[in-house]
Amino acid sequence: MLSNTLNTNEVKNSAGTGIGFQSLSIDQRSRIFAQITEAPYLPHRLSISHTESGAGLKARRRSVVRIDKTILSTVDTATPVTASAYIVMDIPVGAITTTAEAANCLAELLSFCATTGAASTVLFDGTGNGGQVLLTGGL
């Protein structure tokens, strides 16, 4: 269970600067955090949700971690716009006894997005191979 406050070591922006988040709501299968220093008209949210479907060997869990940040448009500075990024894990929980291979999938995705080639440094600025294709629409 996450704490009610995510401190600056737990969430970082593209410059590697920590951002604090405070819990807004929680229920059995979802939770929403708000940036502690956000402007009320420009919400910055971190949300977590889980959905389960199927039964027995067909049981699956779909988990989503998502960031939504509302900013003022740089084209029309009177218009708020929202950018979103999220990771979805779809795990066949009814047919596995450990999450080891799901963890491998997550590690591969994160490393693809946040590193380049042989580099082992985590890149928060979107310059990792996967980060670049996500930001530029490249293949």
C-alpha atoms as a PDB file:
ATOM      1  CA  MET A   1       0.000   0.000   0.000  1.00  0.00           C
ATOM      2  CA  LEU A   2       1.357   3.419  -0.966  1.00  0.00           C
ATOM      3  CA  SER A   3       1.576   6.157   1.612  1.00  0.00           C
ATOM      4  CA  ASN A   4      -0.823   9.125   1.449  1.00  0.00           C
ATOM      5  CA  THR A   5       2.062  11.369   0.354  1.00  0.00           C
ATOM      6  CA  LEU A   6       4.432  10.455  -2.456  1.00  0.00           C
ATOM      7  CA  ASN A   7       7.549  12.480  -1.753  1.00  0.00           C
ATOM      8  CA  THR A   8      10.030  13.970  -4.159  1.00  0.00           C
ATOM      9  CA  ASN A   9      12.112  10.776  -4.322  1.00  0.00           C
ATOM     10  CA  GLU A  10       9.186   8.723  -5.655  1.00  0.00           C
ATOM     11  CA  VAL A  11       8.050  10.785  -8.668  1.00  0.00           C
ATOM     12  CA  LYS A  12      10.391  12.820 -10.878  1.00  0.00           C
ATOM     13  CA  ASN A  13       9.823  15.042 -13.912  1.00  0.00           C
ATOM     14  CA  SER A  14      11.857  15.072 -17.144  1.00  0.00           C
ATOM     15  CA  ALA A  15      14.628  17.110 -15.478  1.00  0.00           C
ATOM     16  CA  GLY A  16      14.908  14.522 -12.680  1.00  0.00           C
ATOM     17  CA  THR A  17      13.373  16.951 -10.178  1.00  0.00           C
ATOM     18  CA  GLY A  18      11.137  15.333  -7.594  1.00  0.00           C
ATOM     19  CA  ILE A  19       7.439  16.190  -7.459  1.00  0.00           C
ATOM     20  CA  GLY A  20       5.299  15.573  -4.381  1.00  0.00           C
ATOM     21  CA  PHE A  21       1.794  14.092  -4.668  1.00  0.00           C
ATOM     22  CA  GLN A  22      -0.944  13.865  -2.021  1.00  0.00           C
ATOM     23  CA  SER A  23      -3.722  11.256  -1.999  1.00  0.00           C
ATOM     24  CA  LEU A  24      -7.117  12.663  -3.040  1.00  0.00           C
ATOM     25  CA  SER A  25      -9.239   9.533  -3.047  1.00  0.00           C
ATOM     26  CA  ILE A  26      -9.008   5.807  -2.573  1.00  0.00           C
ATOM     27  CA  ASP A  27     -11.412   2.917  -2.931  1.00  0.00           C
ATOM     28  CA  GLN A  28     -10.983  -0.845  -3.206  1.00  0.00           C
ATOM     29  CA  ARG A  29      -9.522  -0.878  -6.711  1.00  0.00           C
ATOM     30  CA  SER A  30      -8.336   2.666  -7.500  1.00  0.00           C
ATOM     31  CA  ARG A  31      -6.506   5.632  -6.055  1.00  0.00           C
ATOM     32  CA  ILE A  32      -5.927   9.200  -7.210  1.00  0.00           C
ATOM     33  CA  PHE A  33      -3.108  11.536  -6.164  1.00  0.00           C
ATOM     34  CA  ALA A  34      -2.811  15.285  -6.865  1.00  0.00           C
ATOM     35  CA  GLN A  35       0.427  17.242  -7.129  1.00  0.00           C
ATOM     36  CA  ILE A  36       0.893  19.027  -3.818  1.00  0.00           C
ATOM     37  CA  THR A  37       1.760  22.393  -5.393  1.00  0.00           C
ATOM     38  CA  GLU A  38      -0.624  22.319  -8.358  1.00  0.00           C
ATOM     39  CA  ALA A  39      -2.709  25.306  -9.385  1.00  0.00           C
ATOM     40  CA  PRO A  40      -6.412  24.415  -8.943  1.00  0.00           C
ATOM     41  CA  TYR A  41      -7.175  25.277 -12.578  1.00  0.00           C
ATOM     42  CA  LEU A  42      -4.288  23.126 -13.853  1.00  0.00           C
ATOM     43  CA  PRO A  43      -4.731  19.684 -12.249  1.00  0.00           C
ATOM     44  CA  HIS A  44      -1.795  17.275 -12.230  1.00  0.00           C
ATOM     45  CA  ARG A  45      -2.929  13.754 -11.305  1.00  0.00           C
ATOM     46  CA  LEU A  46      -1.373  10.356 -10.729  1.00  0.00           C
ATOM     47  CA  SER A  47      -3.930   7.556 -10.754  1.00  0.00           C
ATOM     48  CA  ILE A  48      -3.779   3.827 -10.151  1.00  0.00           C
ATOM     49  CA  SER A  49      -6.554   1.374 -10.995  1.00  0.00           C
ATOM     50  CA  HIS A  50      -7.088  -2.380 -11.176  1.00  0.00           C
ATOM     51  CA  THR A  51      -9.782  -4.404 -12.920  1.00  0.00           C
ATOM     52  CA  GLU A  52     -10.189  -8.164 -12.715  1.00  0.00           C
ATOM     53  CA  SER A  53     -12.008 -10.306 -15.253  1.00  0.00           C
ATOM     54  CA  GLY A  54     -12.532 -13.978 -15.971  1.00  0.00           C
ATOM     55  CA  ALA A  55     -12.301 -16.860 -13.532  1.00  0.00           C
ATOM     56  CA  GLY A  56     -10.106 -19.860 -12.884  1.00  0.00           C
ATOM     57  CA  LEU A  57      -7.311 -20.267 -15.410  1.00  0.00           C
ATOM     58  CA  LYS A  58      -8.838 -17.441 -17.481  1.00  0.00           C
ATOM     59  CA  ALA A  59      -8.625 -14.867 -14.650  1.00  0.00           C
ATOM     60  CA  ARG A  60      -6.805 -11.682 -15.642  1.00  0.00           C
ATOM     61  CA  ARG A  61      -5.907  -8.453 -13.895  1.00  0.00           C
ATOM     62  CA  ARG A  62      -5.551  -5.192 -15.813  1.00  0.00           C
ATOM     63  CA  SER A  63      -3.626  -2.578 -13.836  1.00  0.00           C
ATOM     64  CA  VAL A  64      -3.059   1.009 -14.957  1.00  0.00           C
ATOM     65  CA  VAL A  65      -0.708   3.663 -13.578  1.00  0.00           C
ATOM     66  CA  ARG A  66      -1.409   7.003 -15.232  1.00  0.00           C
ATOM     67  CA  ILE A  67      -0.235  10.620 -15.119  1.00  0.00           C
ATOM     68  CA  ASP A  68      -2.465  13.412 -16.465  1.00  0.00           C
ATOM     69  CA  LYS A  69      -1.115  16.962 -16.479  1.00  0.00           C
ATOM     70  CA  THR A  70      -3.147  19.986 -17.532  1.00  0.00           C
ATOM     71  CA  ILE A  71      -1.116  22.926 -18.834  1.00  0.00           C
ATOM     72  CA  LEU A  72      -1.850  26.097 -20.735  1.00  0.00           C
ATOM     73  CA  SER A  73      -1.451  25.667 -24.486  1.00  0.00           C
ATOM     74  CA  THR A  74       1.731  27.218 -25.854  1.00  0.00           C
ATOM     75  CA  VAL A  75      -0.200  28.102 -29.039  1.00  0.00           C
ATOM     76  CA  ASP A  76      -3.244  29.714 -27.392  1.00  0.00           C
ATOM     77  CA  THR A  77      -2.259  30.556 -23.827  1.00  0.00           C
ATOM     78  CA  ALA A  78      -5.900  30.884 -22.744  1.00  0.00           C
ATOM     79  CA  THR A  79      -6.658  27.253 -23.540  1.00  0.00           C
ATOM     80  CA  PRO A  80      -5.896  24.489 -21.022  1.00  0.00           C
ATOM     81  CA  VAL A  81      -4.815  21.181 -22.574  1.00  0.00           C
ATOM     82  CA  THR A  82      -4.001  17.833 -20.977  1.00  0.00           C
ATOM     83  CA  ALA A  83      -1.097  15.481 -21.700  1.00  0.00           C
ATOM     84  CA  SER A  84      -1.317  11.892 -20.436  1.00  0.00           C
ATOM     85  CA  ALA A  85       1.035   8.946 -20.084  1.00  0.00           C
ATOM     86  CA  TYR A  86       0.191   5.558 -18.719  1.00  0.00           C
ATOM     87  CA  ILE A  87       1.411   2.003 -18.345  1.00  0.00           C
ATOM     88  CA  VAL A  88      -1.005  -0.912 -18.532  1.00  0.00           C
ATOM     89  CA  MET A  89      -0.186  -4.367 -17.224  1.00  0.00           C
ATOM     90  CA  ASP A  90      -2.501  -7.181 -18.374  1.00  0.00           C
ATOM     91  CA  ILE A  91      -1.551 -10.246 -16.369  1.00  0.00           C
ATOM     92  CA  PRO A  92      -3.070 -13.758 -16.616  1.00  0.00           C
ATOM     93  CA  VAL A  93      -3.213 -14.130 -12.808  1.00  0.00           C
ATOM     94  CA  GLY A  94      -5.334 -17.299 -12.972  1.00  0.00           C
ATOM     95  CA  ALA A  95      -2.742 -19.178 -14.997  1.00  0.00           C
ATOM     96  CA  ILE A  96       0.513 -18.223 -13.226  1.00  0.00           C
ATOM     97  CA  THR A  97       1.962 -18.819  -9.777  1.00  0.00           C
ATOM     98  CA  THR A  98       4.403 -15.887  -9.751  1.00  0.00           C
ATOM     99  CA  THR A  99       4.606 -12.487 -11.424  1.00  0.00           C
ATOM    100  CA  ALA A 100       8.227 -13.066 -12.513  1.00  0.00           C
ATOM    101  CA  GLU A 101       7.542 -12.999 -16.263  1.00  0.00           C
ATOM    102  CA  ALA A 102       5.156 -10.053 -15.918  1.00  0.00           C
ATOM    103  CA  ALA A 103       7.961  -8.271 -14.031  1.00  0.00           C
ATOM    104  CA  ASN A 104      10.287  -9.060 -16.950  1.00  0.00           C
ATOM    105  CA  CYS A 105       7.784  -7.496 -19.377  1.00  0.00           C
ATOM    106  CA  LEU A 106       7.611  -4.362 -17.217  1.00  0.00           C
ATOM    107  CA  ALA A 107      11.402  -4.164 -16.914  1.00  0.00           C
ATOM    108  CA  GLU A 108      11.830  -4.514 -20.672  1.00  0.00           C
ATOM    109  CA  LEU A 109       9.269  -1.779 -21.350  1.00  0.00           C
ATOM    110  CA  LEU A 110      10.754   0.620 -18.810  1.00  0.00           C
ATOM    111  CA  SER A 111      14.314   0.037 -20.014  1.00  0.00           C
ATOM    112  CA  PHE A 112      13.246   0.537 -23.643  1.00  0.00           C
ATOM    113  CA  CYS A 113      11.575   3.828 -22.761  1.00  0.00           C
ATOM    114  CA  ALA A 114      14.231   5.185 -20.402  1.00  0.00           C
ATOM    115  CA  THR A 115      17.594   4.010 -21.787  1.00  0.00           C
ATOM    116  CA  THR A 116      19.509   3.955 -25.057  1.00  0.00           C
ATOM    117  CA  GLY A 117      21.554   1.085 -26.474  1.00  0.00           C
ATOM    118  CA  ALA A 118      24.268  -0.059 -24.107  1.00  0.00           C
ATOM    119  CA  ALA A 119      23.719   2.840 -21.698  1.00  0.00           C
ATOM    120  CA  SER A 120      22.660   1.889 -18.190  1.00  0.00           C
ATOM    121  CA  THR A 121      21.688   5.402 -17.074  1.00  0.00           C
ATOM    122  CA  VAL A 122      17.955   5.968 -16.605  1.00  0.00           C
ATOM    123  CA  LEU A 123      16.863   8.932 -18.724  1.00  0.00           C
ATOM    124  CA  PHE A 124      13.910  10.886 -17.345  1.00  0.00           C
ATOM    125  CA  ASP A 125      13.975  13.420 -20.200  1.00  0.00           C
ATOM    126  CA  GLY A 126      12.310  11.256 -22.851  1.00  0.00           C
ATOM    127  CA  THR A 127      15.526  10.610 -24.793  1.00  0.00           C
ATOM    128  CA  GLY A 128      15.452   6.841 -24.278  1.00  0.00           C
ATOM    129  CA  ASN A 129      14.721   4.820 -27.409  1.00  0.00           C
ATOM    130  CA  GLY A 130      11.108   4.135 -26.495  1.00  0.00           C
ATOM    131  CA  GLY A 131      10.639   7.609 -25.034  1.00  0.00           C
ATOM    132  CA  GLN A 132      11.649   9.144 -28.355  1.00  0.00           C
ATOM    133  CA  VAL A 133       9.194   7.095 -30.415  1.00  0.00           C
ATOM    134  CA  LEU A 134       6.399   7.944 -27.980  1.00  0.00           C
ATOM    135  CA  LEU A 135       7.148  11.678 -28.043  1.00  0.00           C
ATOM    136  CA  THR A 136       7.802  12.028 -31.785  1.00  0.00           C
ATOM    137  CA  GLY A 137       5.457   9.451 -33.276  1.00  0.00           C
ATOM    138  CA  GLY A 138       8.441   7.623 -34.739  1.00  0.00           C
ATOM    139  CA  LEU A 139       8.913   3.972 -35.542  1.00  0.00           C
END
